[in-house]
């Protein structure tokens, strides 16, 4: 019996495994870092530091829908691991964000300067909100 291959578009035997364009994961240094126990422990401590709340939602900036958002949280590296792996466990480089704001941060819609200020647990959220409101262009993402 034959089937059309989803990877290459050719017709193969049903038992044949096609390796064309196979995605290889876990090869980069950043992927290896994210698999370590140190990273998982640090991620947990950063979420606890930020009280399991999205820091952007808490500051009510960048189209926040829920002020106290604790859904779909992740820890974001402000300076990406691909740029500087040595800052991977640095507290000042890590911030808790919801999936929406994480996506904005990944696409550089939220400036790094704002993220660094938000990562400080003693920051004044009202001042950061005023600073963000001075920016004239509203944030958007094109998918």
Protein backbone atom coordinates (compact mmCIF):
# COMPACT_ATOMS: atom_id res chain seq x y z
CA UNK A 1 0.00 0.00 0.00
CA UNK A 2 1.25 3.50 -0.82
CA UNK A 3 0.71 6.90 0.72
CA UNK A 4 1.51 10.50 -0.13
CA UNK A 5 4.33 11.80 2.03
CA UNK A 6 3.50 14.90 4.08
CA UNK A 7 7.20 15.86 4.21
CA UNK A 8 8.31 15.66 0.58
CA UNK A 9 5.06 15.24 -1.37
CA UNK A 10 6.19 12.02 -3.08
CA UNK A 11 4.43 8.66 -2.94
CA UNK A 12 6.10 6.10 -0.66
CA UNK A 13 5.37 2.65 0.66
CA UNK A 14 3.15 2.85 3.76
CA UNK A 15 5.93 1.48 6.00
CA UNK A 16 8.60 3.87 4.63
CA UNK A 17 9.71 6.75 6.88
CA UNK A 18 10.74 9.88 4.99
CA UNK A 19 13.44 12.02 6.60
CA UNK A 20 13.33 14.92 4.14
CA UNK A 21 13.22 18.31 5.92
CA UNK A 22 13.06 16.62 9.31
CA UNK A 23 13.23 19.24 12.04
CA UNK A 24 16.18 18.66 14.33
CA UNK A 25 15.65 19.97 17.87
CA UNK A 26 17.84 20.06 20.89
CA UNK A 27 21.01 20.84 18.97
CA UNK A 28 21.55 24.49 19.89
CA UNK A 29 23.14 25.61 23.13
CA UNK A 30 19.94 27.48 24.03
CA UNK A 31 17.87 24.29 23.66
CA UNK A 32 20.33 22.37 25.82
CA UNK A 33 20.20 25.14 28.44
CA UNK A 34 16.39 25.07 28.57
CA UNK A 35 16.49 21.34 29.32
CA UNK A 36 18.67 21.71 32.43
CA UNK A 37 17.42 21.39 35.98
CA UNK A 38 19.09 24.72 36.88
CA UNK A 39 16.87 26.53 34.36
CA UNK A 40 13.68 24.85 35.63
CA UNK A 41 14.53 25.80 39.22
CA UNK A 42 15.39 29.39 38.22
CA UNK A 43 12.17 29.68 36.20
CA UNK A 44 10.17 28.56 39.21
CA UNK A 45 11.93 31.06 41.50
CA UNK A 46 11.35 33.95 39.04
CA UNK A 47 7.63 33.17 38.86
CA UNK A 48 7.52 33.13 42.66
CA UNK A 49 9.42 36.44 42.76
CA UNK A 50 6.82 37.96 40.43
CA UNK A 51 3.99 36.46 42.53
CA UNK A 52 2.89 34.27 39.57
CA UNK A 53 1.56 37.34 37.77
CA UNK A 54 2.37 38.80 34.37
CA UNK A 55 4.42 41.95 35.03
CA UNK A 56 3.02 43.77 31.97
CA UNK A 57 -0.56 42.96 32.94
CA UNK A 58 0.15 44.11 36.47
CA UNK A 59 1.43 47.44 35.13
CA UNK A 60 -1.66 47.61 32.87
CA UNK A 61 0.35 48.31 29.70
CA UNK A 62 0.27 47.03 26.12
CA UNK A 63 -3.42 46.15 25.74
CA UNK A 64 -3.88 44.38 29.04
CA UNK A 65 -7.22 42.57 29.35
CA UNK A 66 -6.84 41.10 32.85
CA UNK A 67 -4.97 43.17 35.43
CA UNK A 68 -4.08 40.18 37.61
CA UNK A 69 -3.24 37.64 34.94
CA UNK A 70 -1.86 34.33 36.16
CA UNK A 71 -2.86 32.25 33.11
CA UNK A 72 -0.39 30.87 30.55
CA UNK A 73 2.67 32.35 32.24
CA UNK A 74 6.22 31.89 31.08
CA UNK A 75 9.60 33.27 32.03
CA UNK A 76 11.10 35.48 29.33
CA UNK A 77 14.80 36.17 28.74
CA UNK A 78 15.01 39.91 28.02
CA UNK A 79 18.38 39.44 26.34
CA UNK A 80 17.80 36.21 24.39
CA UNK A 81 19.93 33.15 25.03
CA UNK A 82 21.06 33.20 21.41
CA UNK A 83 22.68 36.61 22.02
CA UNK A 84 24.23 36.00 25.45
CA UNK A 85 24.01 32.54 27.01
CA UNK A 86 25.91 33.72 30.10
CA UNK A 87 22.89 35.80 31.22
CA UNK A 88 20.59 32.78 31.17
CA UNK A 89 20.26 32.59 34.97
CA UNK A 90 20.62 36.31 35.73
CA UNK A 91 17.62 37.54 37.78
CA UNK A 92 17.70 41.00 36.18
CA UNK A 93 17.41 39.41 32.72
CA UNK A 94 14.32 37.32 33.56
CA UNK A 95 10.68 38.39 33.80
CA UNK A 96 7.33 36.59 34.12
CA UNK A 97 4.97 37.30 31.22
CA UNK A 98 1.67 35.91 29.96
CA UNK A 99 1.64 34.34 26.50
CA UNK A 100 0.33 37.54 24.84
CA UNK A 101 2.97 39.84 26.30
CA UNK A 102 5.65 37.17 25.82
CA UNK A 103 4.86 37.19 22.12
CA UNK A 104 5.07 41.00 22.04
CA UNK A 105 8.42 40.88 23.81
CA UNK A 106 9.76 38.23 21.42
CA UNK A 107 8.89 40.47 18.44
CA UNK A 108 10.51 43.51 20.13
CA UNK A 109 7.21 45.41 20.34
CA UNK A 110 7.86 45.89 24.05
CA UNK A 111 11.26 47.62 24.33
CA UNK A 112 13.94 45.91 26.37
CA UNK A 113 14.36 49.00 28.54
CA UNK A 114 10.75 48.67 29.70
CA UNK A 115 11.20 44.95 30.37
CA UNK A 116 14.36 45.58 32.41
CA UNK A 117 12.46 48.12 34.52
CA UNK A 118 9.54 45.72 35.01
CA UNK A 119 11.90 42.90 36.00
CA UNK A 120 12.94 44.90 39.06
CA UNK A 121 10.57 43.83 41.88
CA UNK A 122 10.85 47.30 43.50
CA UNK A 123 9.92 49.26 40.38
CA UNK A 124 7.19 51.90 40.32
CA UNK A 125 4.53 50.52 37.95
CA UNK A 126 2.77 53.88 37.63
CA UNK A 127 5.93 55.55 36.31
CA UNK A 128 6.48 52.75 33.80
CA UNK A 129 2.87 53.06 32.62
CA UNK A 130 3.32 56.81 32.08
CA UNK A 131 6.52 56.18 30.15
CA UNK A 132 4.82 53.62 27.89
CA UNK A 133 1.86 55.94 27.27
CA UNK A 134 4.26 58.56 25.87
CA UNK A 135 5.02 56.19 23.00
CA UNK A 136 2.68 57.27 20.20
CA UNK A 137 2.48 54.06 18.18
CA UNK A 138 0.24 51.35 19.69
CA UNK A 139 1.76 47.86 19.74
CA UNK A 140 0.70 45.44 17.01
CA UNK A 141 1.89 42.07 15.82
CA UNK A 142 1.56 40.78 12.29
CA UNK A 143 1.26 37.01 12.04
